[in-house]
């Protein structure tokens, strides 16, 4: 079998990707809310 030891993998790249995904989701939500507020204010 293999000599893999649990917890020995370098996960720095995965953590960076996950952080980027969370930032993208946060900014997408902010933009959507901003667009909705703008449309609510400017609708006549």
PDB file of N, CA and C in Angstrom:
ATOM      1  N   UNK A   1       0.828  -1.189   0.000  1.00  0.00           N
ATOM      2  CA  UNK A   1       0.000   0.000   0.000  1.00  0.00           C
ATOM      3  C   UNK A   1       0.873   1.255   0.000  1.00  0.00           C
ATOM      4  N   UNK A   2       0.226   2.396   0.057  1.00  0.00           N
ATOM      5  CA  UNK A   2       0.979   3.645   0.022  1.00  0.00           C
ATOM      6  C   UNK A   2       1.433   4.056   1.424  1.00  0.00           C
ATOM      7  N   UNK A   3       2.367   4.977   1.439  1.00  0.00           N
ATOM      8  CA  UNK A   3       2.908   5.464   2.708  1.00  0.00           C
ATOM      9  C   UNK A   3       2.310   6.814   3.085  1.00  0.00           C
ATOM     10  N   UNK A   4       1.072   7.067   2.680  1.00  0.00           N
ATOM     11  CA  UNK A   4       0.428   8.351   2.972  1.00  0.00           C
ATOM     12  C   UNK A   4       0.124   8.474   4.462  1.00  0.00           C
ATOM     13  N   UNK A   5       0.432   9.653   5.017  1.00  0.00           N
ATOM     14  CA  UNK A   5       0.127   9.922   6.417  1.00  0.00           C
ATOM     15  C   UNK A   5      -0.930  11.018   6.475  1.00  0.00           C
ATOM     16  N   UNK A   6      -1.991  10.761   7.188  1.00  0.00           N
ATOM     17  CA  UNK A   6      -3.106  11.704   7.288  1.00  0.00           C
ATOM     18  C   UNK A   6      -2.621  13.044   7.853  1.00  0.00           C
ATOM     19  N   UNK A   7      -3.002  14.139   7.179  1.00  0.00           N
ATOM     20  CA  UNK A   7      -2.645  15.474   7.631  1.00  0.00           C
ATOM     21  C   UNK A   7      -1.302  15.974   7.163  1.00  0.00           C
ATOM     22  N   UNK A   8      -0.629  15.267   6.281  1.00  0.00           N
ATOM     23  CA  UNK A   8       0.711  15.683   5.864  1.00  0.00           C
ATOM     24  C   UNK A   8       0.704  16.462   4.550  1.00  0.00           C
ATOM     25  N   UNK A   9      -0.453  16.615   3.903  1.00  0.00           N
ATOM     26  CA  UNK A   9      -0.513  17.290   2.612  1.00  0.00           C
ATOM     27  C   UNK A   9      -0.496  18.808   2.793  1.00  0.00           C
ATOM     28  N   UNK A  10       0.183  19.504   1.887  1.00  0.00           N
ATOM     29  CA  UNK A  10       0.202  20.968   1.898  1.00  0.00           C
ATOM     30  C   UNK A  10      -1.084  21.463   1.240  1.00  0.00           C
ATOM     31  N   UNK A  11      -1.908  22.180   2.000  1.00  0.00           N
ATOM     32  CA  UNK A  11      -3.211  22.617   1.489  1.00  0.00           C
ATOM     33  C   UNK A  11      -3.270  24.130   1.304  1.00  0.00           C
ATOM     34  N   UNK A  12      -2.140  24.777   1.173  1.00  0.00           N
ATOM     35  CA  UNK A  12      -2.104  26.236   1.037  1.00  0.00           C
ATOM     36  C   UNK A  12      -2.864  26.692  -0.208  1.00  0.00           C
ATOM     37  N   UNK A  13      -2.701  25.991  -1.325  1.00  0.00           N
ATOM     38  CA  UNK A  13      -3.397  26.372  -2.554  1.00  0.00           C
ATOM     39  C   UNK A  13      -4.908  26.209  -2.412  1.00  0.00           C
ATOM     40  N   UNK A  14      -5.345  25.151  -1.767  1.00  0.00           N
ATOM     41  CA  UNK A  14      -6.773  24.942  -1.564  1.00  0.00           C
ATOM     42  C   UNK A  14      -7.362  26.024  -0.665  1.00  0.00           C
ATOM     43  N   UNK A  15      -6.608  26.430   0.360  1.00  0.00           N
ATOM     44  CA  UNK A  15      -7.092  27.484   1.256  1.00  0.00           C
ATOM     45  C   UNK A  15      -7.207  28.815   0.524  1.00  0.00           C
ATOM     46  N   UNK A  16      -6.250  29.115  -0.340  1.00  0.00           N
ATOM     47  CA  UNK A  16      -6.310  30.355  -1.129  1.00  0.00           C
ATOM     48  C   UNK A  16      -7.517  30.332  -2.068  1.00  0.00           C
ATOM     49  N   UNK A  17      -7.754  29.187  -2.702  1.00  0.00           N
ATOM     50  CA  UNK A  17      -8.891  29.064  -3.607  1.00  0.00           C
ATOM     51  C   UNK A  17     -10.198  29.231  -2.861  1.00  0.00           C
ATOM     52  N   UNK A  18     -10.318  28.608  -1.695  1.00  0.00           N
ATOM     53  CA  UNK A  18     -11.540  28.709  -0.894  1.00  0.00           C
ATOM     54  C   UNK A  18     -11.759  30.145  -0.431  1.00  0.00           C
ATOM     55  N   UNK A  19     -10.697  30.823   0.015  1.00  0.00           N
ATOM     56  CA  UNK A  19     -10.825  32.220   0.422  1.00  0.00           C
ATOM     57  C   UNK A  19     -11.268  33.092  -0.750  1.00  0.00           C
ATOM     58  N   UNK A  20     -10.712  32.843  -1.930  1.00  0.00           N
ATOM     59  CA  UNK A  20     -11.123  33.590  -3.118  1.00  0.00           C
ATOM     60  C   UNK A  20     -12.577  33.342  -3.466  1.00  0.00           C
ATOM     61  N   UNK A  21     -13.023  32.098  -3.328  1.00  0.00           N
ATOM     62  CA  UNK A  21     -14.418  31.762  -3.602  1.00  0.00           C
ATOM     63  C   UNK A  21     -15.345  32.493  -2.638  1.00  0.00           C
ATOM     64  N   UNK A  22     -14.980  32.548  -1.366  1.00  0.00           N
ATOM     65  CA  UNK A  22     -15.811  33.252  -0.385  1.00  0.00           C
ATOM     66  C   UNK A  22     -15.856  34.754  -0.673  1.00  0.00           C
ATOM     67  N   UNK A  23     -14.717  35.330  -1.066  1.00  0.00           N
ATOM     68  CA  UNK A  23     -14.692  36.753  -1.406  1.00  0.00           C
ATOM     69  C   UNK A  23     -15.554  37.028  -2.634  1.00  0.00           C
ATOM     70  N   UNK A  24     -15.475  36.161  -3.631  1.00  0.00           N
ATOM     71  CA  UNK A  24     -16.295  36.318  -4.827  1.00  0.00           C
ATOM     72  C   UNK A  24     -17.775  36.258  -4.471  1.00  0.00           C
ATOM     73  N   UNK A  25     -18.159  35.324  -3.634  1.00  0.00           N
ATOM     74  CA  UNK A  25     -19.554  35.213  -3.224  1.00  0.00           C
ATOM     75  C   UNK A  25     -20.024  36.422  -2.447  1.00  0.00           C
ATOM     76  N   UNK A  26     -19.161  36.940  -1.575  1.00  0.00           N
ATOM     77  CA  UNK A  26     -19.507  38.115  -0.778  1.00  0.00           C
ATOM     78  C   UNK A  26     -19.716  39.329  -1.678  1.00  0.00           C
ATOM     79  N   UNK A  27     -18.800  39.557  -2.607  1.00  0.00           N
ATOM     80  CA  UNK A  27     -18.921  40.718  -3.483  1.00  0.00           C
ATOM     81  C   UNK A  27     -20.089  40.584  -4.456  1.00  0.00           C
ATOM     82  N   UNK A  28     -20.374  39.369  -4.891  1.00  0.00           N
ATOM     83  CA  UNK A  28     -21.538  39.150  -5.749  1.00  0.00           C
ATOM     84  C   UNK A  28     -22.814  39.510  -5.000  1.00  0.00           C
ATOM     85  N   UNK A  29     -22.902  39.106  -3.740  1.00  0.00           N
ATOM     86  CA  UNK A  29     -24.076  39.440  -2.930  1.00  0.00           C
ATOM     87  C   UNK A  29     -24.188  40.948  -2.745  1.00  0.00           C
ATOM     88  N   UNK A  30     -23.066  41.623  -2.464  1.00  0.00           N
ATOM     89  CA  UNK A  30     -23.098  43.075  -2.294  1.00  0.00           C
ATOM     90  C   UNK A  30     -23.573  43.773  -3.562  1.00  0.00           C
ATOM     91  N   UNK A  31     -23.086  43.336  -4.690  1.00  0.00           N
ATOM     92  CA  UNK A  31     -23.471  43.958  -5.959  1.00  0.00           C
ATOM     93  C   UNK A  31     -24.958  43.730  -6.239  1.00  0.00           C
ATOM     94  N   UNK A  32     -25.436  42.517  -5.995  1.00  0.00           N
ATOM     95  CA  UNK A  32     -26.864  42.229  -6.214  1.00  0.00           C
ATOM     96  C   UNK A  32     -27.738  43.086  -5.310  1.00  0.00           C
ATOM     97  N   UNK A  33     -27.364  43.210  -4.059  1.00  0.00           N
ATOM     98  CA  UNK A  33     -28.138  44.038  -3.136  1.00  0.00           C
ATOM     99  C   UNK A  33     -28.089  45.498  -3.577  1.00  0.00           C
ATOM    100  N   UNK A  34     -26.922  45.956  -3.999  1.00  0.00           N
ATOM    101  CA  UNK A  34     -26.800  47.330  -4.487  1.00  0.00           C
ATOM    102  C   UNK A  34     -27.674  47.589  -5.703  1.00  0.00           C
ATOM    103  N   UNK A  35     -27.699  46.660  -6.629  1.00  0.00           N
ATOM    104  CA  UNK A  35     -28.544  46.805  -7.821  1.00  0.00           C
ATOM    105  C   UNK A  35     -30.016  46.837  -7.424  1.00  0.00           C
ATOM    106  N   UNK A  36     -30.421  45.963  -6.518  1.00  0.00           N
ATOM    107  CA  UNK A  36     -31.818  45.945  -6.076  1.00  0.00           C
ATOM    108  C   UNK A  36     -32.210  47.240  -5.372  1.00  0.00           C
ATOM    109  N   UNK A  37     -31.335  47.752  -4.533  1.00  0.00           N
ATOM    110  CA  UNK A  37     -31.615  49.025  -3.856  1.00  0.00           C
ATOM    111  C   UNK A  37     -31.702  50.151  -4.877  1.00  0.00           C
ATOM    112  N   UNK A  38     -30.786  50.182  -5.829  1.00  0.00           N
ATOM    113  CA  UNK A  38     -30.830  51.206  -6.880  1.00  0.00           C
ATOM    114  C   UNK A  38     -32.120  51.135  -7.675  1.00  0.00           C
ATOM    115  N   UNK A  39     -32.537  49.931  -8.039  1.00  0.00           N
ATOM    116  CA  UNK A  39     -33.788  49.793  -8.790  1.00  0.00           C
ATOM    117  C   UNK A  39     -34.991  50.198  -7.957  1.00  0.00           C
ATOM    118  N   UNK A  40     -34.983  49.911  -6.669  1.00  0.00           N
ATOM    119  CA  UNK A  40     -36.091  50.291  -5.806  1.00  0.00           C
ATOM    120  C   UNK A  40     -36.167  51.808  -5.645  1.00  0.00           C
ATOM    121  N   UNK A  41     -35.020  52.462  -5.572  1.00  0.00           N
ATOM    122  CA  UNK A  41     -35.010  53.908  -5.393  1.00  0.00           C
ATOM    123  C   UNK A  41     -35.426  54.631  -6.670  1.00  0.00           C
ATOM    124  N   UNK A  42     -34.986  54.140  -7.813  1.00  0.00           N
ATOM    125  CA  UNK A  42     -35.220  54.855  -9.076  1.00  0.00           C
ATOM    126  C   UNK A  42     -36.496  54.426  -9.783  1.00  0.00           C
ATOM    127  N   UNK A  43     -37.214  53.436  -9.264  1.00  0.00           N
ATOM    128  CA  UNK A  43     -38.447  53.031  -9.951  1.00  0.00           C
ATOM    129  C   UNK A  43     -39.529  54.067  -9.722  1.00  0.00           C
ATOM    130  N   UNK A  44     -40.343  54.273 -10.756  1.00  0.00           N
ATOM    131  CA  UNK A  44     -41.415  55.280 -10.639  1.00  0.00           C
ATOM    132  C   UNK A  44     -42.752  54.676 -10.961  1.00  0.00           C
TER     133      UNK A  44
END
